[in-house]
Amino acid sequence: MINLLSSRAQWVLLALMVLMIGATRYNHFFNQTLLADATWAAFFIAGLVLSSRLAPVVLMVEVLVIDLGWRLLSGTPSENGCLSAAYPFLTLAYASLWFMGRLTAKFSDTSLKGLAVTYVGLTAGVLSSFVISNAAWYELSGKYDATTMLEFTHKVAPYLISFLQGAAFWLTLSVAVWFILSKLVTQQSKQYH
């Protein structure tokens, strides 16, 4: 799916992803929204459809600014929030989502089979990101010294479903918008020819 969009359209899409993350980043400024956090889906979609390698950097900077801003404005000590020694591993976790999007793009298209490949890629990306972020949190946050890895895994495993559902929701919404816009562009081009 990479390179199907013009350069301008890709920048517009990146701006929309920035807005999605800004509006939904969990437990921060807008925690009253009912929308799932779009962060994980945004990194995957950026890999899937944006050709610029700058896109994940822009998204990571935004996430960092939101997280730091939340910490500073809320007065929450870093040991009580997500900003621990494990935080740098979010870069690796998000990069795994972007990479899976990039890898999936090579095999993805708008056919039913291509969409199935896209959702398999999303699932693999979410799984890898979930493992990286939670393993780092377990090892480096300092909160689980008395907890075995098995006990920790049992505690965090139920959250995997919500991360999969949230990412799938945003990907599905993005695919639906993609199809609608594609139809509109096709109809407009037919009118002018």
N, C-alpha and C. Protein backbone atom coordinates (compact mmCIF):
# COMPACT_ATOMS: atom_id res chain seq x y z
N MET A 1 0.81 -1.20 0.00
CA MET A 1 0.00 0.00 0.00
C MET A 1 0.85 1.26 0.00
N ILE A 2 2.15 1.13 0.29
CA ILE A 2 3.03 2.29 0.29
C ILE A 2 3.10 2.88 -1.11
N ASN A 3 3.21 4.19 -1.17
CA ASN A 3 3.34 4.95 -2.41
C ASN A 3 2.05 5.03 -3.22
N LEU A 4 0.92 4.68 -2.64
CA LEU A 4 -0.35 4.86 -3.33
C LEU A 4 -0.86 6.29 -3.16
N LEU A 5 -0.31 7.00 -2.21
CA LEU A 5 -0.75 8.35 -1.91
C LEU A 5 0.29 9.36 -2.38
N SER A 6 -0.18 10.53 -2.78
CA SER A 6 0.74 11.60 -3.13
C SER A 6 1.46 12.06 -1.87
N SER A 7 2.53 12.79 -2.07
CA SER A 7 3.30 13.31 -0.94
C SER A 7 2.43 14.20 -0.05
N ARG A 8 1.63 15.03 -0.66
CA ARG A 8 0.74 15.92 0.09
C ARG A 8 -0.29 15.11 0.90
N ALA A 9 -0.86 14.11 0.28
CA ALA A 9 -1.84 13.27 0.96
C ALA A 9 -1.20 12.53 2.13
N GLN A 10 0.06 12.12 1.97
CA GLN A 10 0.74 11.44 3.06
C GLN A 10 0.95 12.37 4.26
N TRP A 11 1.28 13.63 4.00
CA TRP A 11 1.45 14.59 5.10
C TRP A 11 0.11 14.88 5.77
N VAL A 12 -0.95 14.93 4.99
CA VAL A 12 -2.29 15.14 5.57
C VAL A 12 -2.64 13.94 6.45
N LEU A 13 -2.36 12.74 5.97
CA LEU A 13 -2.63 11.54 6.75
C LEU A 13 -1.81 11.51 8.04
N LEU A 14 -0.56 11.92 7.96
CA LEU A 14 0.27 11.98 9.17
C LEU A 14 -0.33 12.99 10.15
N ALA A 15 -0.79 14.11 9.66
CA ALA A 15 -1.42 15.11 10.53
C ALA A 15 -2.67 14.54 11.19
N LEU A 16 -3.44 13.75 10.45
CA LEU A 16 -4.63 13.11 11.03
C LEU A 16 -4.24 12.10 12.11
N MET A 17 -3.15 11.38 11.90
CA MET A 17 -2.68 10.43 12.91
C MET A 17 -2.24 11.17 14.17
N VAL A 18 -1.58 12.30 14.00
CA VAL A 18 -1.17 13.12 15.14
C VAL A 18 -2.42 13.55 15.92
N LEU A 19 -3.45 13.97 15.21
CA LEU A 19 -4.70 14.36 15.88
C LEU A 19 -5.36 13.17 16.58
N MET A 20 -5.36 12.00 15.94
CA MET A 20 -5.93 10.80 16.55
C MET A 20 -5.23 10.48 17.87
N ILE A 21 -3.92 10.51 17.85
CA ILE A 21 -3.17 10.21 19.08
C ILE A 21 -3.44 11.28 20.13
N GLY A 22 -3.40 12.53 19.71
CA GLY A 22 -3.64 13.63 20.65
C GLY A 22 -4.99 13.56 21.33
N ALA A 23 -5.97 13.10 20.60
CA ALA A 23 -7.34 13.04 21.13
C ALA A 23 -7.61 11.79 21.96
N THR A 24 -6.77 10.77 21.81
CA THR A 24 -7.12 9.50 22.45
C THR A 24 -6.04 8.93 23.37
N ARG A 25 -4.90 9.56 23.47
CA ARG A 25 -3.82 8.98 24.28
C ARG A 25 -4.35 8.72 25.69
N TYR A 26 -4.34 7.47 26.08
CA TYR A 26 -5.00 7.00 27.29
C TYR A 26 -4.48 7.65 28.58
N ASN A 27 -5.39 7.80 29.53
CA ASN A 27 -5.09 8.26 30.88
C ASN A 27 -4.37 9.60 30.95
N HIS A 28 -4.53 10.41 29.94
CA HIS A 28 -3.85 11.69 30.00
C HIS A 28 -4.88 12.81 29.95
N PHE A 29 -4.69 13.76 29.08
CA PHE A 29 -5.51 14.96 29.09
C PHE A 29 -6.98 14.70 28.83
N PHE A 30 -7.29 13.86 27.88
CA PHE A 30 -8.67 13.66 27.47
C PHE A 30 -9.15 12.27 27.87
N ASN A 31 -8.95 11.89 29.11
CA ASN A 31 -9.28 10.54 29.53
C ASN A 31 -10.78 10.30 29.64
N GLN A 32 -11.59 11.30 29.34
CA GLN A 32 -13.03 11.12 29.39
C GLN A 32 -13.60 10.64 28.05
N THR A 33 -12.75 10.57 27.02
CA THR A 33 -13.25 10.10 25.73
C THR A 33 -13.55 8.61 25.79
N LEU A 34 -14.49 8.21 24.99
CA LEU A 34 -14.85 6.80 24.94
C LEU A 34 -14.11 6.06 23.83
N LEU A 35 -13.26 6.78 23.13
CA LEU A 35 -12.53 6.18 22.03
C LEU A 35 -11.31 5.41 22.53
N ALA A 36 -11.01 4.33 21.86
CA ALA A 36 -9.81 3.56 22.18
C ALA A 36 -8.57 4.38 21.83
N ASP A 37 -7.50 4.16 22.55
CA ASP A 37 -6.24 4.82 22.27
C ASP A 37 -5.80 4.45 20.84
N ALA A 38 -5.49 5.46 20.06
CA ALA A 38 -5.13 5.25 18.65
C ALA A 38 -3.63 5.11 18.43
N THR A 39 -2.83 5.20 19.48
CA THR A 39 -1.38 5.23 19.32
C THR A 39 -0.85 4.02 18.58
N TRP A 40 -1.22 2.82 19.01
CA TRP A 40 -0.65 1.62 18.41
C TRP A 40 -1.07 1.49 16.95
N ALA A 41 -2.32 1.79 16.66
CA ALA A 41 -2.80 1.72 15.28
C ALA A 41 -2.09 2.76 14.41
N ALA A 42 -1.86 3.94 14.96
CA ALA A 42 -1.21 5.01 14.18
C ALA A 42 0.19 4.59 13.74
N PHE A 43 0.95 3.97 14.62
CA PHE A 43 2.29 3.52 14.23
C PHE A 43 2.22 2.43 13.16
N PHE A 44 1.28 1.51 13.29
CA PHE A 44 1.13 0.47 12.29
C PHE A 44 0.70 1.07 10.94
N ILE A 45 -0.30 1.93 10.96
CA ILE A 45 -0.80 2.54 9.73
C ILE A 45 0.28 3.40 9.08
N ALA A 46 1.08 4.10 9.90
CA ALA A 46 2.18 4.89 9.34
C ALA A 46 3.14 3.99 8.56
N GLY A 47 3.45 2.83 9.10
CA GLY A 47 4.31 1.89 8.37
C GLY A 47 3.63 1.34 7.13
N LEU A 48 2.33 1.17 7.22
CA LEU A 48 1.55 0.56 6.12
C LEU A 48 1.43 1.49 4.92
N VAL A 49 1.17 2.77 5.15
CA VAL A 49 0.82 3.64 4.01
C VAL A 49 1.71 4.86 3.81
N LEU A 50 2.56 5.19 4.76
CA LEU A 50 3.41 6.38 4.60
C LEU A 50 4.81 5.98 4.19
N SER A 51 5.33 6.59 3.15
CA SER A 51 6.66 6.22 2.66
C SER A 51 7.78 6.87 3.46
N SER A 52 7.51 7.95 4.16
CA SER A 52 8.54 8.66 4.91
C SER A 52 8.93 7.91 6.18
N ARG A 53 10.24 7.77 6.36
CA ARG A 53 10.73 7.16 7.60
C ARG A 53 10.71 8.17 8.75
N LEU A 54 10.34 9.40 8.43
CA LEU A 54 10.21 10.44 9.45
C LEU A 54 8.90 10.30 10.23
N ALA A 55 7.92 9.64 9.65
CA ALA A 55 6.59 9.52 10.27
C ALA A 55 6.65 8.91 11.67
N PRO A 56 7.32 7.77 11.88
CA PRO A 56 7.33 7.23 13.24
C PRO A 56 8.07 8.13 14.23
N VAL A 57 9.03 8.88 13.74
CA VAL A 57 9.74 9.82 14.61
C VAL A 57 8.80 10.93 15.06
N VAL A 58 8.03 11.47 14.13
CA VAL A 58 7.05 12.51 14.47
C VAL A 58 6.05 11.97 15.49
N LEU A 59 5.55 10.77 15.27
CA LEU A 59 4.58 10.19 16.20
C LEU A 59 5.20 9.93 17.57
N MET A 60 6.45 9.46 17.61
CA MET A 60 7.11 9.19 18.89
C MET A 60 7.35 10.49 19.66
N VAL A 61 7.74 11.53 18.96
CA VAL A 61 7.93 12.83 19.62
C VAL A 61 6.61 13.31 20.21
N GLU A 62 5.53 13.14 19.46
CA GLU A 62 4.22 13.53 19.98
C GLU A 62 3.87 12.75 21.24
N VAL A 63 4.07 11.45 21.22
CA VAL A 63 3.77 10.61 22.39
C VAL A 63 4.60 11.07 23.59
N LEU A 64 5.86 11.34 23.36
CA LEU A 64 6.74 11.79 24.44
C LEU A 64 6.27 13.13 25.01
N VAL A 65 5.91 14.06 24.14
CA VAL A 65 5.42 15.36 24.59
C VAL A 65 4.13 15.20 25.40
N ILE A 66 3.22 14.37 24.93
CA ILE A 66 1.98 14.13 25.67
C ILE A 66 2.27 13.51 27.03
N ASP A 67 3.11 12.50 27.06
CA ASP A 67 3.41 11.81 28.31
C ASP A 67 4.13 12.73 29.30
N LEU A 68 5.12 13.48 28.81
CA LEU A 68 5.83 14.41 29.69
C LEU A 68 4.90 15.54 30.14
N GLY A 69 4.09 16.04 29.21
CA GLY A 69 3.15 17.11 29.56
C GLY A 69 2.17 16.66 30.62
N TRP A 70 1.67 15.45 30.47
CA TRP A 70 0.74 14.91 31.46
C TRP A 70 1.41 14.80 32.81
N ARG A 71 2.64 14.31 32.83
CA ARG A 71 3.35 14.15 34.09
C ARG A 71 3.59 15.50 34.75
N LEU A 72 4.01 16.48 33.99
CA LEU A 72 4.28 17.80 34.55
C LEU A 72 3.00 18.49 35.03
N LEU A 73 1.94 18.40 34.24
CA LEU A 73 0.68 19.08 34.61
C LEU A 73 -0.07 18.37 35.73
N SER A 74 0.06 17.06 35.79
CA SER A 74 -0.68 16.32 36.82
C SER A 74 0.08 16.26 38.13
N GLY A 75 1.40 16.49 38.09
CA GLY A 75 2.20 16.40 39.29
C GLY A 75 2.44 14.97 39.75
N THR A 76 2.12 14.02 38.90
CA THR A 76 2.31 12.62 39.24
C THR A 76 3.80 12.28 39.24
N PRO A 77 4.30 11.72 40.34
CA PRO A 77 5.72 11.32 40.33
C PRO A 77 5.97 10.26 39.26
N SER A 78 7.14 10.28 38.68
CA SER A 78 7.43 9.36 37.56
C SER A 78 7.31 7.91 37.98
N GLU A 79 7.59 7.59 39.24
CA GLU A 79 7.49 6.19 39.64
C GLU A 79 6.05 5.71 39.70
N ASN A 80 5.08 6.62 39.69
CA ASN A 80 3.67 6.23 39.70
C ASN A 80 3.04 6.22 38.30
N GLY A 81 3.75 6.70 37.33
CA GLY A 81 3.20 6.78 35.98
C GLY A 81 3.99 5.93 35.01
N CYS A 82 3.79 6.21 33.73
CA CYS A 82 4.44 5.40 32.71
C CYS A 82 5.90 5.78 32.48
N LEU A 83 6.33 6.90 33.04
CA LEU A 83 7.70 7.35 32.83
C LEU A 83 8.63 6.73 33.85
N SER A 84 9.11 5.55 33.53
CA SER A 84 10.04 4.83 34.38
C SER A 84 11.28 4.54 33.55
N ALA A 85 12.17 3.76 34.11
CA ALA A 85 13.36 3.34 33.36
C ALA A 85 12.98 2.51 32.13
N ALA A 86 11.74 2.00 32.11
CA ALA A 86 11.27 1.19 30.98
C ALA A 86 10.78 2.05 29.82
N TYR A 87 10.55 3.34 30.05
CA TYR A 87 9.94 4.19 29.02
C TYR A 87 10.68 4.17 27.68
N PRO A 88 12.02 4.22 27.66
CA PRO A 88 12.70 4.19 26.35
C PRO A 88 12.35 2.97 25.50
N PHE A 89 11.92 1.89 26.14
CA PHE A 89 11.56 0.70 25.38
C PHE A 89 10.25 0.88 24.61
N LEU A 90 9.48 1.92 24.93
CA LEU A 90 8.30 2.22 24.12
C LEU A 90 8.71 2.56 22.69
N THR A 91 9.87 3.18 22.55
CA THR A 91 10.38 3.47 21.21
C THR A 91 10.54 2.17 20.42
N LEU A 92 11.10 1.17 21.04
CA LEU A 92 11.25 -0.13 20.38
C LEU A 92 9.90 -0.80 20.14
N ALA A 93 9.00 -0.69 21.11
CA ALA A 93 7.66 -1.29 20.96
C ALA A 93 6.91 -0.63 19.80
N TYR A 94 6.94 0.70 19.74
CA TYR A 94 6.26 1.40 18.66
C TYR A 94 6.95 1.17 17.32
N ALA A 95 8.27 1.07 17.35
CA ALA A 95 9.00 0.77 16.11
C ALA A 95 8.61 -0.61 15.57
N SER A 96 8.33 -1.56 16.47
CA SER A 96 7.91 -2.88 16.00
C SER A 96 6.56 -2.80 15.29
N LEU A 97 5.68 -1.94 15.77
CA LEU A 97 4.39 -1.74 15.08
C LEU A 97 4.61 -1.11 13.71
N TRP A 98 5.45 -0.08 13.65
CA TRP A 98 5.73 0.59 12.38
C TRP A 98 6.37 -0.40 11.40
N PHE A 99 7.34 -1.19 11.89
CA PHE A 99 8.01 -2.17 11.05
C PHE A 99 7.02 -3.21 10.52
N MET A 100 6.12 -3.68 11.37
CA MET A 100 5.12 -4.66 10.91
C MET A 100 4.20 -4.03 9.86
N GLY A 101 3.87 -2.76 10.03
CA GLY A 101 3.09 -2.07 9.00
C GLY A 101 3.86 -2.01 7.69
N ARG A 102 5.14 -1.69 7.78
CA ARG A 102 5.99 -1.61 6.59
C ARG A 102 6.10 -2.98 5.91
N LEU A 103 6.32 -4.01 6.70
CA LEU A 103 6.41 -5.36 6.16
C LEU A 103 5.09 -5.80 5.54
N THR A 104 4.00 -5.52 6.22
CA THR A 104 2.67 -5.89 5.74
C THR A 104 2.34 -5.18 4.44
N ALA A 105 2.80 -3.96 4.28
CA ALA A 105 2.51 -3.18 3.08
C ALA A 105 2.96 -3.89 1.81
N LYS A 106 3.99 -4.69 1.91
CA LYS A 106 4.50 -5.41 0.74
C LYS A 106 3.53 -6.47 0.24
N PHE A 107 2.63 -6.92 1.12
CA PHE A 107 1.71 -8.01 0.78
C PHE A 107 0.24 -7.59 0.85
N SER A 108 0.02 -6.34 1.15
CA SER A 108 -1.34 -5.86 1.40
C SER A 108 -1.87 -5.10 0.19
N ASP A 109 -3.15 -5.24 -0.04
CA ASP A 109 -3.85 -4.43 -1.04
C ASP A 109 -5.31 -4.33 -0.60
N THR A 110 -6.16 -3.84 -1.46
CA THR A 110 -7.56 -3.63 -1.07
C THR A 110 -8.46 -4.83 -1.34
N SER A 111 -7.87 -5.93 -1.77
CA SER A 111 -8.67 -7.15 -1.95
C SER A 111 -8.98 -7.75 -0.58
N LEU A 112 -9.90 -8.69 -0.54
CA LEU A 112 -10.24 -9.35 0.71
C LEU A 112 -9.01 -10.06 1.30
N LYS A 113 -8.25 -10.73 0.44
CA LYS A 113 -7.04 -11.41 0.88
C LYS A 113 -6.02 -10.38 1.41
N GLY A 114 -5.89 -9.28 0.71
CA GLY A 114 -4.96 -8.23 1.14
C GLY A 114 -5.35 -7.63 2.48
N LEU A 115 -6.65 -7.45 2.68
CA LEU A 115 -7.12 -6.93 3.98
C LEU A 115 -6.87 -7.95 5.09
N ALA A 116 -7.05 -9.22 4.80
CA ALA A 116 -6.77 -10.26 5.80
C ALA A 116 -5.29 -10.23 6.18
N VAL A 117 -4.43 -10.08 5.20
CA VAL A 117 -2.99 -9.96 5.46
C VAL A 117 -2.72 -8.75 6.34
N THR A 118 -3.41 -7.66 6.09
CA THR A 118 -3.23 -6.44 6.87
C THR A 118 -3.60 -6.68 8.34
N TYR A 119 -4.70 -7.36 8.58
CA TYR A 119 -5.11 -7.61 9.97
C TYR A 119 -4.19 -8.63 10.66
N VAL A 120 -3.66 -9.57 9.91
CA VAL A 120 -2.67 -10.50 10.49
C VAL A 120 -1.41 -9.71 10.86
N GLY A 121 -0.99 -8.81 9.99
CA GLY A 121 0.17 -7.97 10.28
C GLY A 121 -0.06 -7.09 11.50
N LEU A 122 -1.26 -6.52 11.60
CA LEU A 122 -1.60 -5.70 12.77
C LEU A 122 -1.53 -6.54 14.04
N THR A 123 -2.08 -7.74 14.00
CA THR A 123 -2.06 -8.62 15.17
C THR A 123 -0.62 -8.94 15.58
N ALA A 124 0.22 -9.26 14.61
CA ALA A 124 1.63 -9.55 14.91
C ALA A 124 2.32 -8.33 15.49
N GLY A 125 2.02 -7.16 14.95
CA GLY A 125 2.61 -5.92 15.47
C GLY A 125 2.18 -5.63 16.89
N VAL A 126 0.89 -5.79 17.16
CA VAL A 126 0.38 -5.55 18.51
C VAL A 126 0.99 -6.55 19.49
N LEU A 127 1.07 -7.81 19.10
CA LEU A 127 1.68 -8.82 19.97
C LEU A 127 3.13 -8.48 20.30
N SER A 128 3.90 -8.12 19.28
CA SER A 128 5.31 -7.80 19.53
C SER A 128 5.43 -6.55 20.40
N SER A 129 4.64 -5.54 20.12
CA SER A 129 4.69 -4.32 20.91
C SER A 129 4.27 -4.58 22.36
N PHE A 130 3.25 -5.39 22.54
CA PHE A 130 2.76 -5.73 23.87
C PHE A 130 3.84 -6.46 24.68
N VAL A 131 4.49 -7.42 24.04
CA VAL A 131 5.54 -8.17 24.73
C VAL A 131 6.72 -7.26 25.08
N ILE A 132 7.16 -6.44 24.13
CA ILE A 132 8.30 -5.56 24.38
C ILE A 132 7.99 -4.58 25.50
N SER A 133 6.86 -3.90 25.42
CA SER A 133 6.55 -2.87 26.42
C SER A 133 6.32 -3.48 27.80
N ASN A 134 5.64 -4.61 27.87
CA ASN A 134 5.38 -5.21 29.18
C ASN A 134 6.60 -5.90 29.76
N ALA A 135 7.43 -6.52 28.94
CA ALA A 135 8.66 -7.13 29.45
C ALA A 135 9.59 -6.05 30.01
N ALA A 136 9.69 -4.93 29.30
CA ALA A 136 10.51 -3.82 29.79
C ALA A 136 9.94 -3.26 31.09
N TRP A 137 8.62 -3.10 31.15
CA TRP A 137 7.98 -2.58 32.36
C TRP A 137 8.24 -3.53 33.54
N TYR A 138 8.13 -4.82 33.29
CA TYR A 138 8.37 -5.82 34.34
C TYR A 138 9.81 -5.72 34.86
N GLU A 139 10.75 -5.67 33.94
CA GLU A 139 12.17 -5.69 34.31
C GLU A 139 12.68 -4.37 34.89
N LEU A 140 12.16 -3.24 34.39
CA LEU A 140 12.80 -1.96 34.71
C LEU A 140 11.97 -0.98 35.53
N SER A 141 10.69 -1.23 35.71
CA SER A 141 9.86 -0.25 36.43
C SER A 141 10.12 -0.24 37.92
N GLY A 142 10.65 -1.35 38.46
CA GLY A 142 10.89 -1.43 39.89
C GLY A 142 9.65 -1.76 40.70
N LYS A 143 8.56 -2.02 40.04
CA LYS A 143 7.29 -2.31 40.72
C LYS A 143 7.04 -3.80 40.93
N TYR A 144 7.82 -4.64 40.28
CA TYR A 144 7.50 -6.07 40.28
C TYR A 144 8.66 -6.93 40.76
N ASP A 145 9.47 -6.38 41.65
CA ASP A 145 10.63 -7.14 42.13
C ASP A 145 10.22 -8.42 42.85
N ALA A 146 9.08 -8.39 43.53
CA ALA A 146 8.63 -9.55 44.30
C ALA A 146 7.67 -10.44 43.50
N THR A 147 7.47 -10.12 42.23
CA THR A 147 6.53 -10.85 41.39
C THR A 147 7.29 -11.65 40.35
N THR A 148 6.91 -12.90 40.18
CA THR A 148 7.56 -13.70 39.14
C THR A 148 7.04 -13.26 37.76
N MET A 149 7.79 -13.58 36.74
CA MET A 149 7.37 -13.25 35.37
C MET A 149 6.05 -13.92 35.05
N LEU A 150 5.85 -15.13 35.53
CA LEU A 150 4.60 -15.84 35.29
C LEU A 150 3.42 -15.11 35.94
N GLU A 151 3.59 -14.66 37.18
CA GLU A 151 2.53 -13.91 37.86
C GLU A 151 2.24 -12.60 37.13
N PHE A 152 3.31 -11.93 36.71
CA PHE A 152 3.15 -10.67 35.98
C PHE A 152 2.41 -10.91 34.66
N THR A 153 2.80 -11.95 33.94
CA THR A 153 2.15 -12.28 32.67
C THR A 153 0.67 -12.54 32.89
N HIS A 154 0.35 -13.23 33.94
CA HIS A 154 -1.06 -13.51 34.28
C HIS A 154 -1.83 -12.20 34.56
N LYS A 155 -1.16 -11.21 35.16
CA LYS A 155 -1.80 -9.93 35.47
C LYS A 155 -2.03 -9.07 34.22
N VAL A 156 -1.06 -9.07 33.30
CA VAL A 156 -1.16 -8.17 32.14
C VAL A 156 -1.82 -8.80 30.92
N ALA A 157 -1.88 -10.12 30.85
CA ALA A 157 -2.44 -10.80 29.67
C ALA A 157 -3.85 -10.33 29.32
N PRO A 158 -4.74 -10.10 30.29
CA PRO A 158 -6.09 -9.64 29.93
C PRO A 158 -6.10 -8.31 29.16
N TYR A 159 -5.08 -7.49 29.34
CA TYR A 159 -5.04 -6.20 28.65
C TYR A 159 -4.73 -6.34 27.16
N LEU A 160 -4.15 -7.46 26.77
CA LEU A 160 -3.81 -7.66 25.36
C LEU A 160 -5.04 -7.54 24.46
N ILE A 161 -6.15 -8.08 24.89
CA ILE A 161 -7.38 -8.02 24.09
C ILE A 161 -7.79 -6.57 23.82
N SER A 162 -7.71 -5.71 24.83
CA SER A 162 -8.11 -4.32 24.61
C SER A 162 -7.15 -3.61 23.66
N PHE A 163 -5.87 -3.94 23.70
CA PHE A 163 -4.92 -3.35 22.75
C PHE A 163 -5.21 -3.83 21.33
N LEU A 164 -5.52 -5.12 21.18
CA LEU A 164 -5.89 -5.65 19.86
C LEU A 164 -7.18 -5.01 19.35
N GLN A 165 -8.18 -4.90 20.22
CA GLN A 165 -9.47 -4.32 19.82
C GLN A 165 -9.31 -2.86 19.43
N GLY A 166 -8.56 -2.11 20.23
CA GLY A 166 -8.37 -0.69 19.92
C GLY A 166 -7.67 -0.47 18.60
N ALA A 167 -6.59 -1.22 18.37
CA ALA A 167 -5.86 -1.09 17.11
C ALA A 167 -6.71 -1.53 15.93
N ALA A 168 -7.47 -2.62 16.10
CA ALA A 168 -8.34 -3.10 15.02
C ALA A 168 -9.45 -2.09 14.73
N PHE A 169 -9.99 -1.45 15.76
CA PHE A 169 -11.02 -0.43 15.56
C PHE A 169 -10.48 0.70 14.67
N TRP A 170 -9.30 1.23 15.02
CA TRP A 170 -8.76 2.35 14.25
C TRP A 170 -8.35 1.94 12.85
N LEU A 171 -7.84 0.72 12.69
CA LEU A 171 -7.50 0.25 11.35
C LEU A 171 -8.76 0.08 10.52
N THR A 172 -9.81 -0.48 11.10
CA THR A 172 -11.07 -0.66 10.38
C THR A 172 -11.66 0.69 9.98
N LEU A 173 -11.63 1.64 10.89
CA LEU A 173 -12.12 2.98 10.57
C LEU A 173 -11.29 3.60 9.44
N SER A 174 -9.99 3.41 9.50
CA SER A 174 -9.11 3.96 8.46
C SER A 174 -9.38 3.32 7.10
N VAL A 175 -9.57 2.00 7.09
CA VAL A 175 -9.88 1.30 5.84
C VAL A 175 -11.21 1.79 5.28
N ALA A 176 -12.20 1.96 6.14
CA ALA A 176 -13.52 2.44 5.69
C ALA A 176 -13.39 3.84 5.07
N VAL A 177 -12.67 4.72 5.73
CA VAL A 177 -12.47 6.07 5.19
C VAL A 177 -11.71 5.99 3.87
N TRP A 178 -10.71 5.11 3.80
CA TRP A 178 -9.94 4.93 2.58
C TRP A 178 -10.86 4.54 1.41
N PHE A 179 -11.75 3.57 1.64
CA PHE A 179 -12.66 3.12 0.59
C PHE A 179 -13.62 4.23 0.18
N ILE A 180 -14.15 4.96 1.13
CA ILE A 180 -15.08 6.05 0.83
C ILE A 180 -14.38 7.13 0.01
N LEU A 181 -13.20 7.54 0.44
CA LEU A 181 -12.46 8.57 -0.30
C LEU A 181 -12.05 8.08 -1.68
N SER A 182 -11.67 6.81 -1.78
CA SER A 182 -11.31 6.25 -3.09
C SER A 182 -12.48 6.31 -4.05
N LYS A 183 -13.67 5.96 -3.56
CA LYS A 183 -14.87 6.02 -4.40
C LYS A 183 -15.18 7.45 -4.82
N LEU A 184 -15.04 8.39 -3.89
CA LEU A 184 -15.31 9.79 -4.22
C LEU A 184 -14.33 10.32 -5.26
N VAL A 185 -13.06 9.99 -5.10
CA VAL A 185 -12.04 10.44 -6.05
C VAL A 185 -12.30 9.82 -7.42
N THR A 186 -12.65 8.53 -7.45
CA THR A 186 -12.95 7.85 -8.71
C THR A 186 -14.15 8.50 -9.40
N GLN A 187 -15.19 8.79 -8.63
CA GLN A 187 -16.39 9.43 -9.22
C GLN A 187 -16.07 10.82 -9.74
N GLN A 188 -15.27 11.58 -9.00
CA GLN A 188 -14.91 12.93 -9.45
C GLN A 188 -14.07 12.88 -10.71
N SER A 189 -13.13 11.95 -10.79
CA SER A 189 -12.30 11.86 -11.97
C SER A 189 -13.10 11.44 -13.19
N LYS A 190 -14.13 10.62 -13.00
CA LYS A 190 -15.00 10.23 -14.11
C LYS A 190 -15.82 11.42 -14.60
N GLN A 191 -16.20 12.31 -13.71
CA GLN A 191 -16.97 13.49 -14.09
C GLN A 191 -16.17 14.44 -14.94
N TYR A 192 -14.85 14.52 -14.71
CA TYR A 192 -14.01 15.46 -15.43
C TYR A 192 -13.41 14.88 -16.70
N HIS A 193 -13.64 13.61 -16.96
CA HIS A 193 -13.08 12.98 -18.17
C HIS A 193 -14.15 12.65 -19.15
